[in-house]
Amino acid sequence: MSMSVDIPADLNDEDDTGFVWTFLDEALDPSVIVPGAIVLAGDPDDPAVVQVVDLDERPAGTIVHLRPLPGRFEDYEAFVRRLLPSPDPA
Protein backbone atom coordinates (compact mmCIF):
# COMPACT_ATOMS: atom_id res chain seq x y z
CA MET A 1 0.00 0.00 0.00
CA SER A 2 1.47 3.36 -1.03
CA MET A 3 0.37 6.59 0.62
CA SER A 4 1.57 10.03 1.58
CA VAL A 5 3.63 10.32 4.72
CA ASP A 6 3.58 13.43 6.90
CA ILE A 7 7.36 13.51 6.93
CA PRO A 8 9.82 11.38 4.95
CA ALA A 9 12.51 9.73 7.07
CA ASP A 10 14.98 6.89 7.00
CA LEU A 11 13.63 4.97 9.99
CA ASN A 12 17.00 3.28 10.48
CA ASP A 13 18.89 6.58 10.76
CA GLU A 14 19.36 7.51 14.43
CA ASP A 15 21.59 10.29 15.69
CA ASP A 16 23.40 10.58 19.03
CA THR A 17 20.04 11.13 20.80
CA GLY A 18 19.00 7.58 19.90
CA PHE A 19 16.03 8.88 17.92
CA VAL A 20 15.30 8.77 14.21
CA TRP A 21 15.89 12.20 12.67
CA THR A 22 14.92 14.12 9.55
CA PHE A 23 14.56 17.74 8.47
CA LEU A 24 11.36 19.69 9.13
CA ASP A 25 11.41 21.32 5.69
CA GLU A 26 10.76 17.90 4.13
CA ALA A 27 7.38 17.59 5.87
CA LEU A 28 4.23 17.61 3.77
CA ASP A 29 2.71 20.16 6.21
CA PRO A 30 5.27 21.38 8.75
CA SER A 31 2.51 22.83 10.97
CA VAL A 32 1.48 19.31 12.08
CA ILE A 33 5.03 18.35 13.05
CA VAL A 34 5.02 19.48 16.68
CA PRO A 35 6.38 17.77 19.80
CA GLY A 36 3.99 15.06 20.99
CA ALA A 37 2.17 14.74 17.66
CA ILE A 38 1.54 11.27 16.25
CA VAL A 39 2.30 11.32 12.52
CA LEU A 40 3.07 9.02 9.62
CA ALA A 41 6.76 8.91 8.68
CA GLY A 42 9.17 6.90 6.62
CA ASP A 43 8.62 5.96 3.03
CA PRO A 44 5.26 6.01 1.19
CA ASP A 45 5.66 2.29 0.43
CA ASP A 46 6.56 1.40 4.03
CA PRO A 47 5.07 3.98 6.42
CA ALA A 48 5.38 3.90 10.20
CA VAL A 49 3.45 5.58 12.97
CA VAL A 50 5.81 7.78 14.99
CA GLN A 51 5.70 10.36 17.75
CA VAL A 52 7.45 13.69 17.28
CA VAL A 53 9.92 13.99 20.17
CA ASP A 54 11.31 17.47 19.56
CA LEU A 55 12.40 20.07 17.05
CA ASP A 56 16.05 21.10 17.16
CA GLU A 57 16.95 24.26 15.25
CA ARG A 58 20.40 24.10 13.69
CA PRO A 59 22.23 26.26 11.13
CA ALA A 60 21.49 23.68 8.39
CA GLY A 61 17.76 23.58 9.25
CA THR A 62 15.36 22.31 11.87
CA ILE A 63 15.89 18.68 12.80
CA VAL A 64 12.88 16.62 13.84
CA HIS A 65 13.46 13.72 16.23
CA LEU A 66 10.99 10.86 15.88
CA ARG A 67 10.15 7.88 18.10
CA PRO A 68 8.71 4.95 16.10
CA LEU A 69 5.73 3.46 17.88
CA PRO A 70 5.43 -0.31 18.27
CA GLY A 71 3.35 -2.42 15.94
CA ARG A 72 2.55 -2.36 12.27
CA PHE A 73 0.99 0.57 10.44
CA GLU A 74 -2.04 -1.61 9.67
CA ASP A 75 -2.74 -2.03 13.40
CA TYR A 76 -3.05 1.74 13.81
CA GLU A 77 -5.13 2.05 10.64
CA ALA A 78 -7.70 -0.39 12.05
CA PHE A 79 -7.79 1.56 15.33
CA VAL A 80 -8.40 4.88 13.57
CA ARG A 81 -11.14 3.39 11.37
CA ARG A 82 -12.99 2.27 14.52
CA LEU A 83 -12.90 5.83 15.81
CA LEU A 84 -14.32 7.40 12.65
CA PRO A 85 -18.09 7.86 12.49
CA SER A 86 -19.94 5.37 10.30
CA PRO A 87 -21.39 6.84 7.12
CA ASP A 88 -25.12 7.46 7.24
CA PRO A 89 -27.06 4.92 5.19
CA ALA A 90 -28.54 6.50 2.07
PDB file of N, CA and C in Angstrom:
ATOM      1  N   MET A   1       0.840  -1.156   0.000  1.00  0.00           N
ATOM      2  CA  MET A   1       0.000   0.000   0.000  1.00  0.00           C
ATOM      3  C   MET A   1       0.896   1.234   0.000  1.00  0.00           C
ATOM      4  N   SER A   2       0.693   2.134  -0.938  1.00  0.00           N
ATOM      5  CA  SER A   2       1.470   3.355  -1.031  1.00  0.00           C
ATOM      6  C   SER A   2       0.594   4.538  -0.637  1.00  0.00           C
ATOM      7  N   MET A   3       1.131   5.423   0.180  1.00  0.00           N
ATOM      8  CA  MET A   3       0.367   6.589   0.624  1.00  0.00           C
ATOM      9  C   MET A   3       1.316   7.721   0.945  1.00  0.00           C
ATOM     10  N   SER A   4       0.747   8.879   1.195  1.00  0.00           N
ATOM     11  CA  SER A   4       1.569  10.029   1.584  1.00  0.00           C
ATOM     12  C   SER A   4       1.972   9.893   3.042  1.00  0.00           C
ATOM     13  N   VAL A   5       3.184  10.265   3.328  1.00  0.00           N
ATOM     14  CA  VAL A   5       3.626  10.320   4.723  1.00  0.00           C
ATOM     15  C   VAL A   5       3.676  11.791   5.126  1.00  0.00           C
ATOM     16  N   ASP A   6       3.498  12.048   6.405  1.00  0.00           N
ATOM     17  CA  ASP A   6       3.576  13.426   6.895  1.00  0.00           C
ATOM     18  C   ASP A   6       4.987  13.969   6.778  1.00  0.00           C
ATOM     19  N   ILE A   7       5.962  13.082   7.016  1.00  0.00           N
ATOM     20  CA  ILE A   7       7.357  13.506   6.930  1.00  0.00           C
ATOM     21  C   ILE A   7       8.220  12.319   6.497  1.00  0.00           C
ATOM     22  N   PRO A   8       8.927  12.456   5.383  1.00  0.00           N
ATOM     23  CA  PRO A   8       9.821  11.382   4.954  1.00  0.00           C
ATOM     24  C   PRO A   8      10.978  11.229   5.942  1.00  0.00           C
ATOM     25  N   ALA A   9      11.383   9.998   6.166  1.00  0.00           N
ATOM     26  CA  ALA A   9      12.505   9.733   7.070  1.00  0.00           C
ATOM     27  C   ALA A   9      13.056   8.343   6.810  1.00  0.00           C
ATOM     28  N   ASP A  10      14.355   8.204   7.005  1.00  0.00           N
ATOM     29  CA  ASP A  10      14.978   6.887   7.000  1.00  0.00           C
ATOM     30  C   ASP A  10      14.835   6.375   8.436  1.00  0.00           C
ATOM     31  N   LEU A  11      13.944   5.432   8.641  1.00  0.00           N
ATOM     32  CA  LEU A  11      13.625   4.967   9.989  1.00  0.00           C
ATOM     33  C   LEU A  11      14.755   4.190  10.655  1.00  0.00           C
ATOM     34  N   ASN A  12      15.821   3.947   9.919  1.00  0.00           N
ATOM     35  CA  ASN A  12      17.001   3.284  10.484  1.00  0.00           C
ATOM     36  C   ASN A  12      18.111   4.276  10.806  1.00  0.00           C
ATOM     37  N   ASP A  13      17.858   5.557  10.589  1.00  0.00           N
ATOM     38  CA  ASP A  13      18.885   6.583  10.762  1.00  0.00           C
ATOM     39  C   ASP A  13      18.689   7.314  12.085  1.00  0.00           C
ATOM     40  N   GLU A  14      19.415   6.880  13.112  1.00  0.00           N
ATOM     41  CA  GLU A  14      19.358   7.509  14.428  1.00  0.00           C
ATOM     42  C   GLU A  14      20.604   8.367  14.627  1.00  0.00           C
ATOM     43  N   ASP A  15      20.426   9.471  15.362  1.00  0.00           N
ATOM     44  CA  ASP A  15      21.590  10.288  15.693  1.00  0.00           C
ATOM     45  C   ASP A  15      22.033   9.993  17.129  1.00  0.00           C
ATOM     46  N   ASP A  16      22.867  10.843  17.690  1.00  0.00           N
ATOM     47  CA  ASP A  16      23.404  10.578  19.027  1.00  0.00           C
ATOM     48  C   ASP A  16      22.348  10.642  20.132  1.00  0.00           C
ATOM     49  N   THR A  17      21.134  11.129  19.822  1.00  0.00           N
ATOM     50  CA  THR A  17      20.041  11.129  20.803  1.00  0.00           C
ATOM     51  C   THR A  17      19.403   9.752  20.926  1.00  0.00           C
ATOM     52  N   GLY A  18      19.642   8.890  19.927  1.00  0.00           N
ATOM     53  CA  GLY A  18      19.004   7.580  19.898  1.00  0.00           C
ATOM     54  C   GLY A  18      17.673   7.588  19.173  1.00  0.00           C
ATOM     55  N   PHE A  19      17.281   8.758  18.654  1.00  0.00           N
ATOM     56  CA  PHE A  19      16.026   8.876  17.918  1.00  0.00           C
ATOM     57  C   PHE A  19      16.277   8.975  16.429  1.00  0.00           C
ATOM     58  N   VAL A  20      15.289   8.563  15.651  1.00  0.00           N
ATOM     59  CA  VAL A  20      15.303   8.769  14.208  1.00  0.00           C
ATOM     60  C   VAL A  20      15.250  10.275  13.981  1.00  0.00           C
ATOM     61  N   TRP A  21      15.902  10.764  12.940  1.00  0.00           N
ATOM     62  CA  TRP A  21      15.887  12.198  12.666  1.00  0.00           C
ATOM     63  C   TRP A  21      15.657  12.446  11.187  1.00  0.00           C
ATOM     64  N   THR A  22      15.117  13.631  10.909  1.00  0.00           N
ATOM     65  CA  THR A  22      14.922  14.118   9.552  1.00  0.00           C
ATOM     66  C   THR A  22      14.797  15.626   9.625  1.00  0.00           C
ATOM     67  N   PHE A  23      14.690  16.288   8.482  1.00  0.00           N
ATOM     68  CA  PHE A  23      14.563  17.744   8.468  1.00  0.00           C
ATOM     69  C   PHE A  23      13.108  18.169   8.349  1.00  0.00           C
ATOM     70  N   LEU A  24      12.728  19.182   9.115  1.00  0.00           N
ATOM     71  CA  LEU A  24      11.356  19.691   9.128  1.00  0.00           C
ATOM     72  C   LEU A  24      10.912  20.180   7.758  1.00  0.00           C
ATOM     73  N   ASP A  25      11.816  20.769   6.985  1.00  0.00           N
ATOM     74  CA  ASP A  25      11.408  21.325   5.694  1.00  0.00           C
ATOM     75  C   ASP A  25      10.999  20.248   4.681  1.00  0.00           C
ATOM     76  N   GLU A  26      11.199  18.988   5.010  1.00  0.00           N
ATOM     77  CA  GLU A  26      10.765  17.903   4.133  1.00  0.00           C
ATOM     78  C   GLU A  26       9.334  17.452   4.422  1.00  0.00           C
ATOM     79  N   ALA A  27       8.737  17.988   5.485  1.00  0.00           N
ATOM     80  CA  ALA A  27       7.379  17.592   5.870  1.00  0.00           C
ATOM     81  C   ALA A  27       6.354  18.066   4.844  1.00  0.00           C
ATOM     82  N   LEU A  28       5.321  17.257   4.661  1.00  0.00           N
ATOM     83  CA  LEU A  28       4.226  17.613   3.773  1.00  0.00           C
ATOM     84  C   LEU A  28       3.555  18.893   4.264  1.00  0.00           C
ATOM     85  N   ASP A  29       3.278  18.974   5.568  1.00  0.00           N
ATOM     86  CA  ASP A  29       2.705  20.160   6.207  1.00  0.00           C
ATOM     87  C   ASP A  29       3.445  20.358   7.531  1.00  0.00           C
ATOM     88  N   PRO A  30       4.472  21.208   7.536  1.00  0.00           N
ATOM     89  CA  PRO A  30       5.272  21.380   8.750  1.00  0.00           C
ATOM     90  C   PRO A  30       4.469  21.795   9.983  1.00  0.00           C
ATOM     91  N   SER A  31       3.296  22.375   9.812  1.00  0.00           N
ATOM     92  CA  SER A  31       2.509  22.830  10.967  1.00  0.00           C
ATOM     93  C   SER A  31       2.003  21.670  11.823  1.00  0.00           C
ATOM     94  N   VAL A  32       1.940  20.452  11.274  1.00  0.00           N
ATOM     95  CA  VAL A  32       1.477  19.313  12.075  1.00  0.00           C
ATOM     96  C   VAL A  32       2.630  18.598  12.781  1.00  0.00           C
ATOM     97  N   ILE A  33       3.849  18.978  12.457  1.00  0.00           N
ATOM     98  CA  ILE A  33       5.027  18.346  13.048  1.00  0.00           C
ATOM     99  C   ILE A  33       5.416  19.139  14.294  1.00  0.00           C
ATOM    100  N   VAL A  34       4.783  18.805  15.399  1.00  0.00           N
ATOM    101  CA  VAL A  34       5.016  19.481  16.675  1.00  0.00           C
ATOM    102  C   VAL A  34       5.301  18.417  17.738  1.00  0.00           C
ATOM    103  N   PRO A  35       6.076  18.755  18.753  1.00  0.00           N
ATOM    104  CA  PRO A  35       6.377  17.769  19.800  1.00  0.00           C
ATOM    105  C   PRO A  35       5.106  17.146  20.379  1.00  0.00           C
ATOM    106  N   GLY A  36       5.128  15.822  20.472  1.00  0.00           N
ATOM    107  CA  GLY A  36       3.994  15.065  20.993  1.00  0.00           C
ATOM    108  C   GLY A  36       3.041  14.568  19.930  1.00  0.00           C
ATOM    109  N   ALA A  37       3.089  15.144  18.735  1.00  0.00           N
ATOM    110  CA  ALA A  37       2.171  14.740  17.661  1.00  0.00           C
ATOM    111  C   ALA A  37       2.469  13.311  17.207  1.00  0.00           C
ATOM    112  N   ILE A  38       1.422  12.603  16.843  1.00  0.00           N
ATOM    113  CA  ILE A  38       1.538  11.271  16.249  1.00  0.00           C
ATOM    114  C   ILE A  38       1.333  11.458  14.754  1.00  0.00           C
ATOM    115  N   VAL A  39       2.334  11.090  13.968  1.00  0.00           N
ATOM    116  CA  VAL A  39       2.301  11.316  12.521  1.00  0.00           C
ATOM    117  C   VAL A  39       2.771  10.064  11.786  1.00  0.00           C
ATOM    118  N   LEU A  40       2.614  10.102  10.482  1.00  0.00           N
ATOM    119  CA  LEU A  40       3.070   9.020   9.621  1.00  0.00           C
ATOM    120  C   LEU A  40       4.404   9.433   9.019  1.00  0.00           C
ATOM    121  N   ALA A  41       5.411   8.591   9.170  1.00  0.00           N
ATOM    122  CA  ALA A  41       6.757   8.911   8.684  1.00  0.00           C
ATOM    123  C   ALA A  41       7.314   7.732   7.918  1.00  0.00           C
ATOM    124  N   GLY A  42       8.481   7.964   7.340  1.00  0.00           N
ATOM    125  CA  GLY A  42       9.170   6.900   6.624  1.00  0.00           C
ATOM    126  C   GLY A  42       9.080   7.090   5.144  1.00  0.00           C
ATOM    127  N   ASP A  43       8.698   6.032   4.482  1.00  0.00           N
ATOM    128  CA  ASP A  43       8.621   5.958   3.033  1.00  0.00           C
ATOM    129  C   ASP A  43       7.171   5.673   2.652  1.00  0.00           C
ATOM    130  N   PRO A  44       6.655   6.269   1.570  1.00  0.00           N
ATOM    131  CA  PRO A  44       5.261   6.013   1.190  1.00  0.00           C
ATOM    132  C   PRO A  44       4.926   4.530   1.008  1.00  0.00           C
ATOM    133  N   ASP A  45       5.905   3.715   0.612  1.00  0.00           N
ATOM    134  CA  ASP A  45       5.657   2.288   0.426  1.00  0.00           C
ATOM    135  C   ASP A  45       5.776   1.490   1.725  1.00  0.00           C
ATOM    136  N   ASP A  46       6.359   2.088   2.754  1.00  0.00           N
ATOM    137  CA  ASP A  46       6.560   1.405   4.029  1.00  0.00           C
ATOM    138  C   ASP A  46       6.448   2.422   5.168  1.00  0.00           C
ATOM    139  N   PRO A  47       5.229   2.948   5.401  1.00  0.00           N
ATOM    140  CA  PRO A  47       5.067   3.982   6.418  1.00  0.00           C
ATOM    141  C   PRO A  47       5.106   3.405   7.829  1.00  0.00           C
ATOM    142  N   ALA A  48       5.381   4.281   8.789  1.00  0.00           N
ATOM    143  CA  ALA A  48       5.377   3.895  10.198  1.00  0.00           C
ATOM    144  C   ALA A  48       4.711   5.008  10.996  1.00  0.00           C
ATOM    145  N   VAL A  49       4.045   4.616  12.058  1.00  0.00           N
ATOM    146  CA  VAL A  49       3.452   5.584  12.973  1.00  0.00           C
ATOM    147  C   VAL A  49       4.537   5.971  13.969  1.00  0.00           C
ATOM    148  N   VAL A  50       4.753   7.277  14.127  1.00  0.00           N
ATOM    149  CA  VAL A  50       5.805   7.781  14.993  1.00  0.00           C
ATOM    150  C   VAL A  50       5.275   8.920  15.857  1.00  0.00           C
ATOM    151  N   GLN A  51       5.998   9.194  16.928  1.00  0.00           N
ATOM    152  CA  GLN A  51       5.698  10.358  17.753  1.00  0.00           C
ATOM    153  C   GLN A  51       6.821  11.368  17.562  1.00  0.00           C
ATOM    154  N   VAL A  52       6.456  12.634  17.381  1.00  0.00           N
ATOM    155  CA  VAL A  52       7.447  13.695  17.278  1.00  0.00           C
ATOM    156  C   VAL A  52       7.982  13.961  18.684  1.00  0.00           C
ATOM    157  N   VAL A  53       9.279  13.806  18.866  1.00  0.00           N
ATOM    158  CA  VAL A  53       9.917  13.992  20.167  1.00  0.00           C
ATOM    159  C   VAL A  53      10.247  15.462  20.393  1.00  0.00           C
ATOM    160  N   ASP A  54      10.950  16.060  19.432  1.00  0.00           N
ATOM    161  CA  ASP A  54      11.312  17.469  19.563  1.00  0.00           C
ATOM    162  C   ASP A  54      11.726  18.032  18.219  1.00  0.00           C
ATOM    163  N   LEU A  55      11.882  19.343  18.209  1.00  0.00           N
ATOM    164  CA  LEU A  55      12.399  20.070  17.052  1.00  0.00           C
ATOM    165  C   LEU A  55      13.682  20.749  17.521  1.00  0.00           C
ATOM    166  N   ASP A  56      14.747  20.572  16.769  1.00  0.00           N
ATOM    167  CA  ASP A  56      16.054  21.096  17.160  1.00  0.00           C
ATOM    168  C   ASP A  56      16.561  22.005  16.043  1.00  0.00           C
ATOM    169  N   GLU A  57      16.511  23.313  16.273  1.00  0.00           N
ATOM    170  CA  GLU A  57      16.945  24.259  15.248  1.00  0.00           C
ATOM    171  C   GLU A  57      18.473  24.278  15.181  1.00  0.00           C
ATOM    172  N   ARG A  58      18.960  24.118  13.959  1.00  0.00           N
ATOM    173  CA  ARG A  58      20.395  24.097  13.691  1.00  0.00           C
ATOM    174  C   ARG A  58      20.671  25.014  12.505  1.00  0.00           C
ATOM    175  N   PRO A  59      21.916  25.393  12.283  1.00  0.00           N
ATOM    176  CA  PRO A  59      22.229  26.258  11.134  1.00  0.00           C
ATOM    177  C   PRO A  59      21.800  25.654   9.791  1.00  0.00           C
ATOM    178  N   ALA A  60      21.858  24.337   9.656  1.00  0.00           N
ATOM    179  CA  ALA A  60      21.493  23.680   8.392  1.00  0.00           C
ATOM    180  C   ALA A  60      19.989  23.490   8.238  1.00  0.00           C
ATOM    181  N   GLY A  61      19.216  23.758   9.298  1.00  0.00           N
ATOM    182  CA  GLY A  61      17.764  23.579   9.252  1.00  0.00           C
ATOM    183  C   GLY A  61      17.268  22.930  10.528  1.00  0.00           C
ATOM    184  N   THR A  62      15.956  22.883  10.672  1.00  0.00           N
ATOM    185  CA  THR A  62      15.361  22.311  11.875  1.00  0.00           C
ATOM    186  C   THR A  62      15.306  20.795  11.761  1.00  0.00           C
ATOM    187  N   ILE A  63      15.897  20.137  12.742  1.00  0.00           N
ATOM    188  CA  ILE A  63      15.890  18.676  12.799  1.00  0.00           C
ATOM    189  C   ILE A  63      14.692  18.231  13.631  1.00  0.00           C
ATOM    190  N   VAL A  64      14.004  17.218  13.135  1.00  0.00           N
ATOM    191  CA  VAL A  64      12.879  16.619  13.844  1.00  0.00           C
ATOM    192  C   VAL A  64      13.342  15.262  14.364  1.00  0.00           C
ATOM    193  N   HIS A  65      13.170  15.032  15.654  1.00  0.00           N
ATOM    194  CA  HIS A  65      13.463  13.717  16.230  1.00  0.00           C
ATOM    195  C   HIS A  65      12.148  12.949  16.351  1.00  0.00           C
ATOM    196  N   LEU A  66      12.181  11.697  15.931  1.00  0.00           N
ATOM    197  CA  LEU A  66      10.991  10.856  15.884  1.00  0.00           C
ATOM    198  C   LEU A  66      11.195   9.580  16.687  1.00  0.00           C
ATOM    199  N   ARG A  67      10.131   9.149  17.355  1.00  0.00           N
ATOM    200  CA  ARG A  67      10.147   7.879  18.099  1.00  0.00           C
ATOM    201  C   ARG A  67       9.159   6.940  17.401  1.00  0.00           C
ATOM    202  N   PRO A  68       9.638   5.916  16.706  1.00  0.00           N
ATOM    203  CA  PRO A  68       8.710   4.954  16.097  1.00  0.00           C
ATOM    204  C   PRO A  68       7.887   4.257  17.177  1.00  0.00           C
ATOM    205  N   LEU A  69       6.603   4.141  16.936  1.00  0.00           N
ATOM    206  CA  LEU A  69       5.728   3.460  17.881  1.00  0.00           C
ATOM    207  C   LEU A  69       5.671   1.975  17.536  1.00  0.00           C
ATOM    208  N   PRO A  70       5.424   1.132  18.525  1.00  0.00           N
ATOM    209  CA  PRO A  70       5.435  -0.314  18.274  1.00  0.00           C
ATOM    210  C   PRO A  70       4.257  -0.748  17.404  1.00  0.00           C
ATOM    211  N   GLY A  71       4.433  -1.851  16.756  1.00  0.00           N
ATOM    212  CA  GLY A  71       3.355  -2.416  15.944  1.00  0.00           C
ATOM    213  C   GLY A  71       3.475  -2.021  14.485  1.00  0.00           C
ATOM    214  N   ARG A  72       2.578  -2.608  13.711  1.00  0.00           N
ATOM    215  CA  ARG A  72       2.549  -2.360  12.273  1.00  0.00           C
ATOM    216  C   ARG A  72       1.608  -1.200  11.972  1.00  0.00           C
ATOM    217  N   PHE A  73       1.854  -0.520  10.867  1.00  0.00           N
ATOM    218  CA  PHE A  73       0.987   0.575  10.442  1.00  0.00           C
ATOM    219  C   PHE A  73      -0.465   0.108  10.363  1.00  0.00           C
ATOM    220  N   GLU A  74      -0.686  -1.085   9.851  1.00  0.00           N
ATOM    221  CA  GLU A  74      -2.041  -1.608   9.665  1.00  0.00           C
ATOM    222  C   GLU A  74      -2.797  -1.712  10.998  1.00  0.00           C
ATOM    223  N   ASP A  75      -2.094  -1.967  12.091  1.00  0.00           N
ATOM    224  CA  ASP A  75      -2.736  -2.030  13.398  1.00  0.00           C
ATOM    225  C   ASP A  75      -3.313  -0.668  13.779  1.00  0.00           C
ATOM    226  N   TYR A  76      -2.580   0.391  13.501  1.00  0.00           N
ATOM    227  CA  TYR A  76      -3.047   1.739  13.809  1.00  0.00           C
ATOM    228  C   TYR A  76      -4.175   2.143  12.864  1.00  0.00           C
ATOM    229  N   GLU A  77      -4.080   1.731  11.609  1.00  0.00           N
ATOM    230  CA  GLU A  77      -5.128   2.049  10.638  1.00  0.00           C
ATOM    231  C   GLU A  77      -6.466   1.467  11.102  1.00  0.00           C
ATOM    232  N   ALA A  78      -6.468   0.231  11.569  1.00  0.00           N
ATOM    233  CA  ALA A  78      -7.702  -0.395  12.051  1.00  0.00           C
ATOM    234  C   ALA A  78      -8.246   0.362  13.262  1.00  0.00           C
ATOM    235  N   PHE A  79      -7.376   0.796  14.148  1.00  0.00           N
ATOM    236  CA  PHE A  79      -7.787   1.557  15.326  1.00  0.00           C
ATOM    237  C   PHE A  79      -8.464   2.868  14.915  1.00  0.00           C
ATOM    238  N   VAL A  80      -7.842   3.596  14.002  1.00  0.00           N
ATOM    239  CA  VAL A  80      -8.398   4.880  13.568  1.00  0.00           C
ATOM    240  C   VAL A  80      -9.743   4.675  12.878  1.00  0.00           C
ATOM    241  N   ARG A  81      -9.864   3.651  12.061  1.00  0.00           N
ATOM    242  CA  ARG A  81     -11.139   3.388  11.370  1.00  0.00           C
ATOM    243  C   ARG A  81     -12.265   3.135  12.374  1.00  0.00           C
ATOM    244  N   ARG A  82     -11.961   2.496  13.490  1.00  0.00           N
ATOM    245  CA  ARG A  82     -12.989   2.268  14.519  1.00  0.00           C
ATOM    246  C   ARG A  82     -13.439   3.567  15.156  1.00  0.00           C
ATOM    247  N   LEU A  83     -12.569   4.555  15.197  1.00  0.00           N
ATOM    248  CA  LEU A  83     -12.903   5.831  15.814  1.00  0.00           C
ATOM    249  C   LEU A  83     -13.722   6.741  14.901  1.00  0.00           C
ATOM    250  N   LEU A  84     -13.599   6.549  13.596  1.00  0.00           N
ATOM    251  CA  LEU A  84     -14.319   7.403  12.650  1.00  0.00           C
ATOM    252  C   LEU A  84     -15.805   7.085  12.668  1.00  0.00           C
ATOM    253  N   PRO A  85     -16.651   8.115  12.518  1.00  0.00           N
ATOM    254  CA  PRO A  85     -18.094   7.857  12.488  1.00  0.00           C
ATOM    255  C   PRO A  85     -18.461   7.026  11.259  1.00  0.00           C
ATOM    256  N   SER A  86     -19.442   6.167  11.425  1.00  0.00           N
ATOM    257  CA  SER A  86     -19.938   5.371  10.295  1.00  0.00           C
ATOM    258  C   SER A  86     -20.717   6.275   9.353  1.00  0.00           C
ATOM    259  N   PRO A  87     -20.610   6.024   8.061  1.00  0.00           N
ATOM    260  CA  PRO A  87     -21.393   6.843   7.119  1.00  0.00           C
ATOM    261  C   PRO A  87     -22.872   6.566   7.299  1.00  0.00           C
ATOM    262  N   ASP A  88     -23.669   7.612   7.146  1.00  0.00           N
ATOM    263  CA  ASP A  88     -25.123   7.456   7.235  1.00  0.00           C
ATOM    264  C   ASP A  88     -25.624   6.639   6.060  1.00  0.00           C
ATOM    265  N   PRO A  89     -26.519   5.672   6.324  1.00  0.00           N
ATOM    266  CA  PRO A  89     -27.061   4.916   5.190  1.00  0.00           C
ATOM    267  C   PRO A  89     -27.892   5.839   4.314  1.00  0.00           C
ATOM    268  N   ALA A  90     -27.831   5.630   3.042  1.00  0.00           N
ATOM    269  CA  ALA A  90     -28.545   6.501   2.073  1.00  0.00           C
ATOM    270  C   ALA A  90     -30.015   6.174   2.014  1.00  0.00           C
TER     271      ALA A  90
END
